[in-house]
Amino acid sequence: MRPDSPADPGGLNPLTVLSAAVVIAVTTTAINSWAVSAAVLLLLAALLSLNGLGRKVLPAAAVIMVPFWLSLLLTHGLFFHEGRTMLWTAGPVRVTAEGLGFAAGMGLRTAVFVVVFLAFSFSVRPADLMALLTKYRFPPQLGFVLCSTLTIAPAVSGRARRIAQAQQSRGLVTGSGAGGRLRAVRQQAVPLVMALLHEAGSRADSLEARGFGGRGPRTSYRKVPDSPAQKIFRWLVLAALAVFLVLWFGPGWFTPGWFGPGWFWPGGVR
């Protein structure tokens, strides 16, 4: 989540962005098709690139997803014993179409989930989110935990960067390459942890002085952008999501297999 800046995405209300993120993530998970997930992921990447958030969201998503994809490939792509369509085998390693399809589906669905909520965290202002939670009478502890969770990564990154700059200005030389980076991390770890602990203590004292634990009603003087069109959009997309889930999982007019067996992957594995 970013601090207040003019790069806010078109003055959207945080609830509008959150509603869109929930609808995309839940719908993609419910459909459970690697082809649909891949199409949604490509569309999200294009939209984020056009919006200017791609340079922040996509690298952060890659850091999270690449290790996860590798673990899926090892556990399901190479050792999926339920698979029947054999592609390659060597000892205990059995590469099957079903295993690769399962790994691809789970990996892409998770990637969509990660990208949409990273986009939400990078596009919503912390103050706006806190003001909305105050407006709708959410417990202040919940708002503080949520905002702190979404802002901890930028805070830690900025603090680590300032510590590194201060150490370099004092003549600390760690060298280049992987060894130099490891030495730099070791030199920055202790001051970073101490600084974060001190900041947490100072923040706790400040919150207590402002009556954070009080039980009375709270007022926020911050005006969060919203419009009737955005309110209608939120209700429409959430209602459409509810209808879709009822039709998709219930005894409705179509079932999760309406795409047809084998349409996305040999053997019907989606």
C-alpha atoms as a PDB file:
ATOM      1  CA  MET A   1       0.000   0.000   0.000  1.00  0.00           C
ATOM      2  CA  ARG A   2       1.337   3.379  -0.955  1.00  0.00           C
ATOM      3  CA  PRO A   3       1.310   6.668   0.891  1.00  0.00           C
ATOM      4  CA  ASP A   4      -0.876   9.498  -0.329  1.00  0.00           C
ATOM      5  CA  SER A   5       0.158  10.374  -3.841  1.00  0.00           C
ATOM      6  CA  PRO A   6      -1.383  11.712  -7.055  1.00  0.00           C
ATOM      7  CA  ALA A   7      -1.002   8.263  -8.600  1.00  0.00           C
ATOM      8  CA  ASP A   8      -4.225   7.102  -7.004  1.00  0.00           C
ATOM      9  CA  PRO A   9      -6.156   5.085  -9.636  1.00  0.00           C
ATOM     10  CA  GLY A  10      -8.739   7.563 -10.814  1.00  0.00           C
ATOM     11  CA  GLY A  11     -10.135   8.499  -7.392  1.00  0.00           C
ATOM     12  CA  LEU A  12     -11.644   5.054  -6.842  1.00  0.00           C
ATOM     13  CA  ASN A  13     -13.098   4.208  -3.478  1.00  0.00           C
ATOM     14  CA  PRO A  14     -11.134   1.449  -1.694  1.00  0.00           C
ATOM     15  CA  LEU A  15     -14.329  -0.596  -1.412  1.00  0.00           C
ATOM     16  CA  THR A  16     -14.720  -0.456  -5.201  1.00  0.00           C
ATOM     17  CA  VAL A  17     -11.198  -1.766  -5.715  1.00  0.00           C
ATOM     18  CA  LEU A  18     -11.724  -4.436  -3.048  1.00  0.00           C
ATOM     19  CA  SER A  19     -15.032  -5.543  -4.601  1.00  0.00           C
ATOM     20  CA  ALA A  20     -13.404  -5.955  -8.007  1.00  0.00           C
ATOM     21  CA  ALA A  21     -10.505  -7.894  -6.476  1.00  0.00           C
ATOM     22  CA  VAL A  22     -12.840 -10.244  -4.594  1.00  0.00           C
ATOM     23  CA  VAL A  23     -14.993 -10.892  -7.666  1.00  0.00           C
ATOM     24  CA  ILE A  24     -11.982 -11.662  -9.868  1.00  0.00           C
ATOM     25  CA  ALA A  25     -10.317 -13.938  -7.311  1.00  0.00           C
ATOM     26  CA  VAL A  26     -13.462 -15.857  -6.333  1.00  0.00           C
ATOM     27  CA  THR A  27     -14.717 -16.283  -9.908  1.00  0.00           C
ATOM     28  CA  THR A  28     -11.366 -17.545 -11.161  1.00  0.00           C
ATOM     29  CA  THR A  29     -11.095 -19.983  -8.267  1.00  0.00           C
ATOM     30  CA  ALA A  30     -14.644 -21.256  -8.805  1.00  0.00           C
ATOM     31  CA  ILE A  31     -14.201 -21.852 -12.542  1.00  0.00           C
ATOM     32  CA  ASN A  32     -11.028 -23.821 -11.791  1.00  0.00           C
ATOM     33  CA  SER A  33      -9.628 -23.702 -15.327  1.00  0.00           C
ATOM     34  CA  TRP A  34      -5.973 -23.045 -16.054  1.00  0.00           C
ATOM     35  CA  ALA A  35      -6.886 -21.450 -19.394  1.00  0.00           C
ATOM     36  CA  VAL A  36      -9.310 -18.998 -17.765  1.00  0.00           C
ATOM     37  CA  SER A  37      -6.777 -18.225 -15.030  1.00  0.00           C
ATOM     38  CA  ALA A  38      -4.062 -17.605 -17.630  1.00  0.00           C
ATOM     39  CA  ALA A  39      -6.342 -15.290 -19.623  1.00  0.00           C
ATOM     40  CA  VAL A  40      -7.306 -13.344 -16.486  1.00  0.00           C
ATOM     41  CA  LEU A  41      -3.656 -13.108 -15.454  1.00  0.00           C
ATOM     42  CA  LEU A  42      -2.629 -11.712 -18.848  1.00  0.00           C
ATOM     43  CA  LEU A  43      -5.496  -9.214 -18.755  1.00  0.00           C
ATOM     44  CA  LEU A  44      -4.514  -8.100 -15.247  1.00  0.00           C
ATOM     45  CA  ALA A  45      -0.880  -7.678 -16.303  1.00  0.00           C
ATOM     46  CA  ALA A  46      -1.944  -5.524 -19.256  1.00  0.00           C
ATOM     47  CA  LEU A  47      -4.266  -3.365 -17.141  1.00  0.00           C
ATOM     48  CA  LEU A  48      -1.657  -2.897 -14.418  1.00  0.00           C
ATOM     49  CA  SER A  49       0.970  -1.929 -16.995  1.00  0.00           C
ATOM     50  CA  LEU A  50      -1.370   0.660 -18.502  1.00  0.00           C
ATOM     51  CA  ASN A  51      -2.220   1.979 -15.026  1.00  0.00           C
ATOM     52  CA  GLY A  52       1.435   2.332 -14.012  1.00  0.00           C
ATOM     53  CA  LEU A  53       1.229  -0.262 -11.228  1.00  0.00           C
ATOM     54  CA  GLY A  54       2.805  -3.085 -13.206  1.00  0.00           C
ATOM     55  CA  ARG A  55       6.355  -2.113 -12.222  1.00  0.00           C
ATOM     56  CA  LYS A  56       5.477  -2.584  -8.548  1.00  0.00           C
ATOM     57  CA  VAL A  57       2.858  -5.320  -8.523  1.00  0.00           C
ATOM     58  CA  LEU A  58       4.311  -7.757 -11.065  1.00  0.00           C
ATOM     59  CA  PRO A  59       7.844  -8.038  -9.567  1.00  0.00           C
ATOM     60  CA  ALA A  60       6.356  -8.440  -6.084  1.00  0.00           C
ATOM     61  CA  ALA A  61       4.023 -11.155  -7.376  1.00  0.00           C
ATOM     62  CA  ALA A  62       6.937 -12.898  -9.095  1.00  0.00           C
ATOM     63  CA  VAL A  63       8.902 -13.006  -5.836  1.00  0.00           C
ATOM     64  CA  ILE A  64       5.956 -14.765  -4.186  1.00  0.00           C
ATOM     65  CA  MET A  65       4.893 -17.020  -7.044  1.00  0.00           C
ATOM     66  CA  VAL A  66       8.141 -18.348  -8.543  1.00  0.00           C
ATOM     67  CA  PRO A  67       9.053 -20.466  -5.460  1.00  0.00           C
ATOM     68  CA  PHE A  68       5.436 -21.607  -5.227  1.00  0.00           C
ATOM     69  CA  TRP A  69       5.383 -22.638  -8.902  1.00  0.00           C
ATOM     70  CA  LEU A  70       8.634 -24.558  -8.476  1.00  0.00           C
ATOM     71  CA  SER A  71       7.213 -26.437  -5.492  1.00  0.00           C
ATOM     72  CA  LEU A  72       4.081 -27.281  -7.492  1.00  0.00           C
ATOM     73  CA  LEU A  73       6.193 -28.559 -10.368  1.00  0.00           C
ATOM     74  CA  LEU A  74       8.192 -30.797  -8.043  1.00  0.00           C
ATOM     75  CA  THR A  75       5.271 -32.162  -6.038  1.00  0.00           C
ATOM     76  CA  HIS A  76       2.619 -32.487  -8.751  1.00  0.00           C
ATOM     77  CA  GLY A  77       4.272 -32.071 -12.129  1.00  0.00           C
ATOM     78  CA  LEU A  78       6.919 -34.754 -11.523  1.00  0.00           C
ATOM     79  CA  PHE A  79       5.281 -37.029  -8.939  1.00  0.00           C
ATOM     80  CA  PHE A  80       1.543 -37.006  -9.707  1.00  0.00           C
ATOM     81  CA  HIS A  81       0.840 -40.728  -9.300  1.00  0.00           C
ATOM     82  CA  GLU A  82      -2.868 -40.356 -10.081  1.00  0.00           C
ATOM     83  CA  GLY A  83      -2.017 -39.338 -13.646  1.00  0.00           C
ATOM     84  CA  ARG A  84      -2.681 -41.725 -16.503  1.00  0.00           C
ATOM     85  CA  THR A  85      -1.455 -39.869 -19.612  1.00  0.00           C
ATOM     86  CA  MET A  86       2.288 -40.531 -19.407  1.00  0.00           C
ATOM     87  CA  LEU A  87       4.595 -37.975 -21.057  1.00  0.00           C
ATOM     88  CA  TRP A  88       7.982 -38.968 -19.633  1.00  0.00           C
ATOM     89  CA  THR A  89       9.281 -41.273 -16.919  1.00  0.00           C
ATOM     90  CA  ALA A  90      12.628 -41.888 -15.220  1.00  0.00           C
ATOM     91  CA  GLY A  91      12.678 -43.964 -12.049  1.00  0.00           C
ATOM     92  CA  PRO A  92      10.212 -42.504  -9.529  1.00  0.00           C
ATOM     93  CA  VAL A  93       9.678 -39.411 -11.695  1.00  0.00           C
ATOM     94  CA  ARG A  94       6.448 -39.657 -13.696  1.00  0.00           C
ATOM     95  CA  VAL A  95       5.569 -36.625 -15.786  1.00  0.00           C
ATOM     96  CA  THR A  96       1.905 -36.900 -16.729  1.00  0.00           C
ATOM     97  CA  ALA A  97      -0.495 -34.590 -18.524  1.00  0.00           C
ATOM     98  CA  GLU A  98      -2.812 -34.689 -15.524  1.00  0.00           C
ATOM     99  CA  GLY A  99      -0.005 -33.741 -13.127  1.00  0.00           C
ATOM    100  CA  LEU A 100       1.129 -30.823 -15.253  1.00  0.00           C
ATOM    101  CA  GLY A 101      -2.476 -29.725 -15.678  1.00  0.00           C
ATOM    102  CA  PHE A 102      -3.081 -29.835 -11.935  1.00  0.00           C
ATOM    103  CA  ALA A 103       0.113 -27.881 -11.211  1.00  0.00           C
ATOM    104  CA  ALA A 104      -0.683 -25.323 -13.921  1.00  0.00           C
ATOM    105  CA  GLY A 105      -4.244 -24.846 -12.703  1.00  0.00           C
ATOM    106  CA  MET A 106      -3.337 -24.398  -9.051  1.00  0.00           C
ATOM    107  CA  GLY A 107      -0.352 -22.184  -9.845  1.00  0.00           C
ATOM    108  CA  LEU A 108      -2.287 -19.866 -12.145  1.00  0.00           C
ATOM    109  CA  ARG A 109      -5.287 -19.616  -9.808  1.00  0.00           C
ATOM    110  CA  THR A 110      -2.988 -18.681  -6.942  1.00  0.00           C
ATOM    111  CA  ALA A 111      -1.179 -16.173  -9.161  1.00  0.00           C
ATOM    112  CA  VAL A 112      -4.471 -14.420  -9.964  1.00  0.00           C
ATOM    113  CA  PHE A 113      -5.289 -14.241  -6.250  1.00  0.00           C
ATOM    114  CA  VAL A 114      -1.851 -12.835  -5.406  1.00  0.00           C
ATOM    115  CA  VAL A 115      -1.850 -10.272  -8.242  1.00  0.00           C
ATOM    116  CA  VAL A 116      -5.322  -8.863  -7.543  1.00  0.00           C
ATOM    117  CA  PHE A 117      -4.717  -8.376  -3.836  1.00  0.00           C
ATOM    118  CA  LEU A 118      -1.233  -6.965  -4.383  1.00  0.00           C
ATOM    119  CA  ALA A 119      -2.833  -4.536  -6.828  1.00  0.00           C
ATOM    120  CA  PHE A 120      -5.347  -3.631  -4.125  1.00  0.00           C
ATOM    121  CA  SER A 121      -2.615  -3.075  -1.540  1.00  0.00           C
ATOM    122  CA  PHE A 122      -0.545  -0.912  -3.901  1.00  0.00           C
ATOM    123  CA  SER A 123      -3.454   1.181  -5.196  1.00  0.00           C
ATOM    124  CA  VAL A 124      -5.299   2.058  -1.975  1.00  0.00           C
ATOM    125  CA  ARG A 125      -4.206   4.796   0.390  1.00  0.00           C
ATOM    126  CA  PRO A 126      -3.858   3.722   4.039  1.00  0.00           C
ATOM    127  CA  ALA A 127      -5.598   6.856   5.302  1.00  0.00           C
ATOM    128  CA  ASP A 128      -8.583   6.262   3.011  1.00  0.00           C
ATOM    129  CA  LEU A 129      -8.952   2.674   4.158  1.00  0.00           C
ATOM    130  CA  MET A 130      -8.717   3.672   7.828  1.00  0.00           C
ATOM    131  CA  ALA A 131     -11.309   6.424   7.300  1.00  0.00           C
ATOM    132  CA  LEU A 132     -13.721   3.961   5.700  1.00  0.00           C
ATOM    133  CA  LEU A 133     -13.314   1.461   8.521  1.00  0.00           C
ATOM    134  CA  THR A 134     -13.977   4.261  11.013  1.00  0.00           C
ATOM    135  CA  LYS A 135     -17.039   5.403   9.054  1.00  0.00           C
ATOM    136  CA  TYR A 136     -18.599   1.935   9.078  1.00  0.00           C
ATOM    137  CA  ARG A 137     -17.860   1.412  12.798  1.00  0.00           C
ATOM    138  CA  PHE A 138     -15.329  -1.364  12.451  1.00  0.00           C
ATOM    139  CA  PRO A 139     -13.242  -1.997  15.583  1.00  0.00           C
ATOM    140  CA  PRO A 140     -10.202   0.304  15.508  1.00  0.00           C
ATOM    141  CA  GLN A 141      -7.947  -2.643  16.312  1.00  0.00           C
ATOM    142  CA  LEU A 142      -9.064  -4.342  13.089  1.00  0.00           C
ATOM    143  CA  GLY A 143      -8.337  -1.242  11.048  1.00  0.00           C
ATOM    144  CA  PHE A 144      -4.918  -0.832  12.599  1.00  0.00           C
ATOM    145  CA  VAL A 145      -3.971  -4.476  12.013  1.00  0.00           C
ATOM    146  CA  LEU A 146      -5.214  -4.390   8.412  1.00  0.00           C
ATOM    147  CA  CYS A 147      -3.441  -1.146   7.529  1.00  0.00           C
ATOM    148  CA  SER A 148      -0.265  -2.242   9.294  1.00  0.00           C
ATOM    149  CA  THR A 149      -0.274  -5.548   7.423  1.00  0.00           C
ATOM    150  CA  LEU A 150      -0.626  -3.828   4.065  1.00  0.00           C
ATOM    151  CA  THR A 151       1.997  -1.177   4.805  1.00  0.00           C
ATOM    152  CA  ILE A 152       4.658  -3.289   6.512  1.00  0.00           C
ATOM    153  CA  ALA A 153       6.478  -4.295   3.322  1.00  0.00           C
ATOM    154  CA  PRO A 154       6.998  -0.720   2.030  1.00  0.00           C
ATOM    155  CA  ALA A 155       7.941   0.415   5.555  1.00  0.00           C
ATOM    156  CA  VAL A 156      10.558  -2.308   5.999  1.00  0.00           C
ATOM    157  CA  SER A 157      11.916  -1.737   2.489  1.00  0.00           C
ATOM    158  CA  GLY A 158      12.265   2.008   3.027  1.00  0.00           C
ATOM    159  CA  ARG A 159      13.886   1.572   6.426  1.00  0.00           C
ATOM    160  CA  ALA A 160      16.374  -0.976   5.054  1.00  0.00           C
ATOM    161  CA  ARG A 161      17.257   1.363   2.194  1.00  0.00           C
ATOM    162  CA  ARG A 162      17.940   4.252   4.581  1.00  0.00           C
ATOM    163  CA  ILE A 163      20.090   2.029   6.808  1.00  0.00           C
ATOM    164  CA  ALA A 164      22.109   0.880   3.795  1.00  0.00           C
ATOM    165  CA  GLN A 165      22.632   4.477   2.660  1.00  0.00           C
ATOM    166  CA  ALA A 166      23.732   5.516   6.153  1.00  0.00           C
ATOM    167  CA  GLN A 167      26.206   2.631   6.365  1.00  0.00           C
ATOM    168  CA  GLN A 168      27.633   3.411   2.936  1.00  0.00           C
ATOM    169  CA  SER A 169      28.046   7.086   3.840  1.00  0.00           C
ATOM    170  CA  ARG A 170      30.161   5.968   6.829  1.00  0.00           C
ATOM    171  CA  GLY A 171      32.483   3.956   4.618  1.00  0.00           C
ATOM    172  CA  LEU A 172      31.060   0.454   5.004  1.00  0.00           C
ATOM    173  CA  VAL A 173      32.167  -1.666   2.027  1.00  0.00           C
ATOM    174  CA  THR A 174      30.513  -5.058   1.573  1.00  0.00           C
ATOM    175  CA  GLY A 175      31.776  -5.910  -1.904  1.00  0.00           C
ATOM    176  CA  SER A 176      29.847  -7.069  -4.936  1.00  0.00           C
ATOM    177  CA  GLY A 177      28.215 -10.310  -5.987  1.00  0.00           C
ATOM    178  CA  ALA A 178      26.240 -12.770  -3.893  1.00  0.00           C
ATOM    179  CA  GLY A 179      28.779 -12.739  -1.051  1.00  0.00           C
ATOM    180  CA  GLY A 180      28.681  -8.970  -0.821  1.00  0.00           C
ATOM    181  CA  ARG A 181      24.893  -8.963  -0.695  1.00  0.00           C
ATOM    182  CA  LEU A 182      24.864 -11.543   2.077  1.00  0.00           C
ATOM    183  CA  ARG A 183      27.331  -9.460   4.098  1.00  0.00           C
ATOM    184  CA  ALA A 184      25.183  -6.383   3.510  1.00  0.00           C
ATOM    185  CA  VAL A 185      22.078  -8.195   4.767  1.00  0.00           C
ATOM    186  CA  ARG A 186      23.953  -9.330   7.870  1.00  0.00           C
ATOM    187  CA  GLN A 187      25.173  -5.786   8.566  1.00  0.00           C
ATOM    188  CA  GLN A 188      21.664  -4.341   8.114  1.00  0.00           C
ATOM    189  CA  ALA A 189      19.695  -6.982  10.033  1.00  0.00           C
ATOM    190  CA  VAL A 190      20.398  -5.826  13.599  1.00  0.00           C
ATOM    191  CA  PRO A 191      19.821  -2.077  13.081  1.00  0.00           C
ATOM    192  CA  LEU A 192      16.725  -2.844  10.998  1.00  0.00           C
ATOM    193  CA  VAL A 193      15.144  -5.015  13.693  1.00  0.00           C
ATOM    194  CA  MET A 194      16.042  -2.524  16.438  1.00  0.00           C
ATOM    195  CA  ALA A 195      14.595   0.369  14.420  1.00  0.00           C
ATOM    196  CA  LEU A 196      11.350  -1.516  13.763  1.00  0.00           C
ATOM    197  CA  LEU A 197      10.984  -2.419  17.452  1.00  0.00           C
ATOM    198  CA  HIS A 198      11.578   1.194  18.474  1.00  0.00           C
ATOM    199  CA  GLU A 199       9.058   2.414  15.908  1.00  0.00           C
ATOM    200  CA  ALA A 200       6.467  -0.093  17.137  1.00  0.00           C
ATOM    201  CA  GLY A 201       6.912   1.108  20.705  1.00  0.00           C
ATOM    202  CA  SER A 202       6.633   4.763  19.693  1.00  0.00           C
ATOM    203  CA  ARG A 203       3.522   4.033  17.651  1.00  0.00           C
ATOM    204  CA  ALA A 204       1.909   2.197  20.570  1.00  0.00           C
ATOM    205  CA  ASP A 205       2.526   5.174  22.880  1.00  0.00           C
ATOM    206  CA  SER A 206       1.108   7.562  20.282  1.00  0.00           C
ATOM    207  CA  LEU A 207      -2.025   5.463  19.772  1.00  0.00           C
ATOM    208  CA  GLU A 208      -2.603   5.196  23.509  1.00  0.00           C
ATOM    209  CA  ALA A 209      -2.227   8.967  23.933  1.00  0.00           C
ATOM    210  CA  ARG A 210      -4.895   9.482  21.253  1.00  0.00           C
ATOM    211  CA  GLY A 211      -7.398   7.201  22.960  1.00  0.00           C
ATOM    212  CA  PHE A 212      -7.024   4.312  20.561  1.00  0.00           C
ATOM    213  CA  GLY A 213      -8.471   1.849  23.071  1.00  0.00           C
ATOM    214  CA  GLY A 214     -11.536   3.967  23.847  1.00  0.00           C
ATOM    215  CA  ARG A 215     -15.036   2.593  23.325  1.00  0.00           C
ATOM    216  CA  GLY A 216     -16.823   5.742  22.212  1.00  0.00           C
ATOM    217  CA  PRO A 217     -17.823   6.640  18.639  1.00  0.00           C
ATOM    218  CA  ARG A 218     -15.084   7.906  16.376  1.00  0.00           C
ATOM    219  CA  THR A 219     -15.109  10.558  13.704  1.00  0.00           C
ATOM    220  CA  SER A 220     -12.842  10.777  10.697  1.00  0.00           C
ATOM    221  CA  TYR A 221     -12.327  14.141   9.047  1.00  0.00           C
ATOM    222  CA  ARG A 222     -10.915  12.593   5.890  1.00  0.00           C
ATOM    223  CA  LYS A 223     -13.259  12.519   2.902  1.00  0.00           C
ATOM    224  CA  VAL A 224     -12.862   9.346   0.871  1.00  0.00           C
ATOM    225  CA  PRO A 225     -13.810   9.674  -2.823  1.00  0.00           C
ATOM    226  CA  ASP A 226     -17.024   7.877  -3.725  1.00  0.00           C
ATOM    227  CA  SER A 227     -19.912   8.314  -6.126  1.00  0.00           C
ATOM    228  CA  PRO A 228     -23.352   6.815  -6.774  1.00  0.00           C
ATOM    229  CA  ALA A 229     -21.936   5.070  -9.840  1.00  0.00           C
ATOM    230  CA  GLN A 230     -19.290   3.326  -7.739  1.00  0.00           C
ATOM    231  CA  LYS A 231     -21.873   2.265  -5.154  1.00  0.00           C
ATOM    232  CA  ILE A 232     -24.082   0.808  -7.886  1.00  0.00           C
ATOM    233  CA  PHE A 233     -21.069  -0.950  -9.403  1.00  0.00           C
ATOM    234  CA  ARG A 234     -20.163  -2.548  -6.063  1.00  0.00           C
ATOM    235  CA  TRP A 235     -23.673  -3.849  -5.464  1.00  0.00           C
ATOM    236  CA  LEU A 236     -24.005  -5.123  -9.031  1.00  0.00           C
ATOM    237  CA  VAL A 237     -20.717  -7.034  -9.139  1.00  0.00           C
ATOM    238  CA  LEU A 238     -21.253  -8.592  -5.709  1.00  0.00           C
ATOM    239  CA  ALA A 239     -24.820  -9.582  -6.597  1.00  0.00           C
ATOM    240  CA  ALA A 240     -23.612 -11.014  -9.902  1.00  0.00           C
ATOM    241  CA  LEU A 241     -20.939 -12.971  -8.033  1.00  0.00           C
ATOM    242  CA  ALA A 242     -23.540 -14.432  -5.656  1.00  0.00           C
ATOM    243  CA  VAL A 243     -25.790 -15.460  -8.569  1.00  0.00           C
ATOM    244  CA  PHE A 244     -22.854 -16.984 -10.419  1.00  0.00           C
ATOM    245  CA  LEU A 245     -21.788 -19.051  -7.408  1.00  0.00           C
ATOM    246  CA  VAL A 246     -25.332 -20.353  -6.888  1.00  0.00           C
ATOM    247  CA  LEU A 247     -25.631 -21.368 -10.543  1.00  0.00           C
ATOM    248  CA  TRP A 248     -22.108 -22.767 -10.725  1.00  0.00           C
ATOM    249  CA  PHE A 249     -22.170 -24.951  -7.620  1.00  0.00           C
ATOM    250  CA  GLY A 250     -25.899 -25.566  -7.282  1.00  0.00           C
ATOM    251  CA  PRO A 251     -28.239 -27.702  -9.403  1.00  0.00           C
ATOM    252  CA  GLY A 252     -28.664 -24.930 -11.928  1.00  0.00           C
ATOM    253  CA  TRP A 253     -28.647 -24.640 -15.697  1.00  0.00           C
ATOM    254  CA  PHE A 254     -24.956 -25.367 -16.033  1.00  0.00           C
ATOM    255  CA  THR A 255     -22.346 -27.265 -14.050  1.00  0.00           C
ATOM    256  CA  PRO A 256     -18.578 -26.854 -13.504  1.00  0.00           C
ATOM    257  CA  GLY A 257     -18.043 -29.184 -16.459  1.00  0.00           C
ATOM    258  CA  TRP A 258     -19.948 -27.102 -18.999  1.00  0.00           C
ATOM    259  CA  PHE A 259     -16.733 -26.284 -20.868  1.00  0.00           C
ATOM    260  CA  GLY A 260     -16.638 -29.886 -22.020  1.00  0.00           C
ATOM    261  CA  PRO A 261     -14.107 -32.617 -21.201  1.00  0.00           C
ATOM    262  CA  GLY A 262     -10.687 -32.122 -22.643  1.00  0.00           C
ATOM    263  CA  TRP A 263     -11.447 -28.590 -23.837  1.00  0.00           C
ATOM    264  CA  PHE A 264      -8.524 -27.087 -21.920  1.00  0.00           C
ATOM    265  CA  TRP A 265      -6.245 -30.072 -21.323  1.00  0.00           C
ATOM    266  CA  PRO A 266      -5.979 -33.681 -22.506  1.00  0.00           C
ATOM    267  CA  GLY A 267      -8.026 -36.040 -20.379  1.00  0.00           C
ATOM    268  CA  GLY A 268     -10.387 -33.324 -19.189  1.00  0.00           C
ATOM    269  CA  VAL A 269      -8.100 -32.089 -16.372  1.00  0.00           C
ATOM    270  CA  ARG A 270      -8.589 -28.362 -15.978  1.00  0.00           C
END
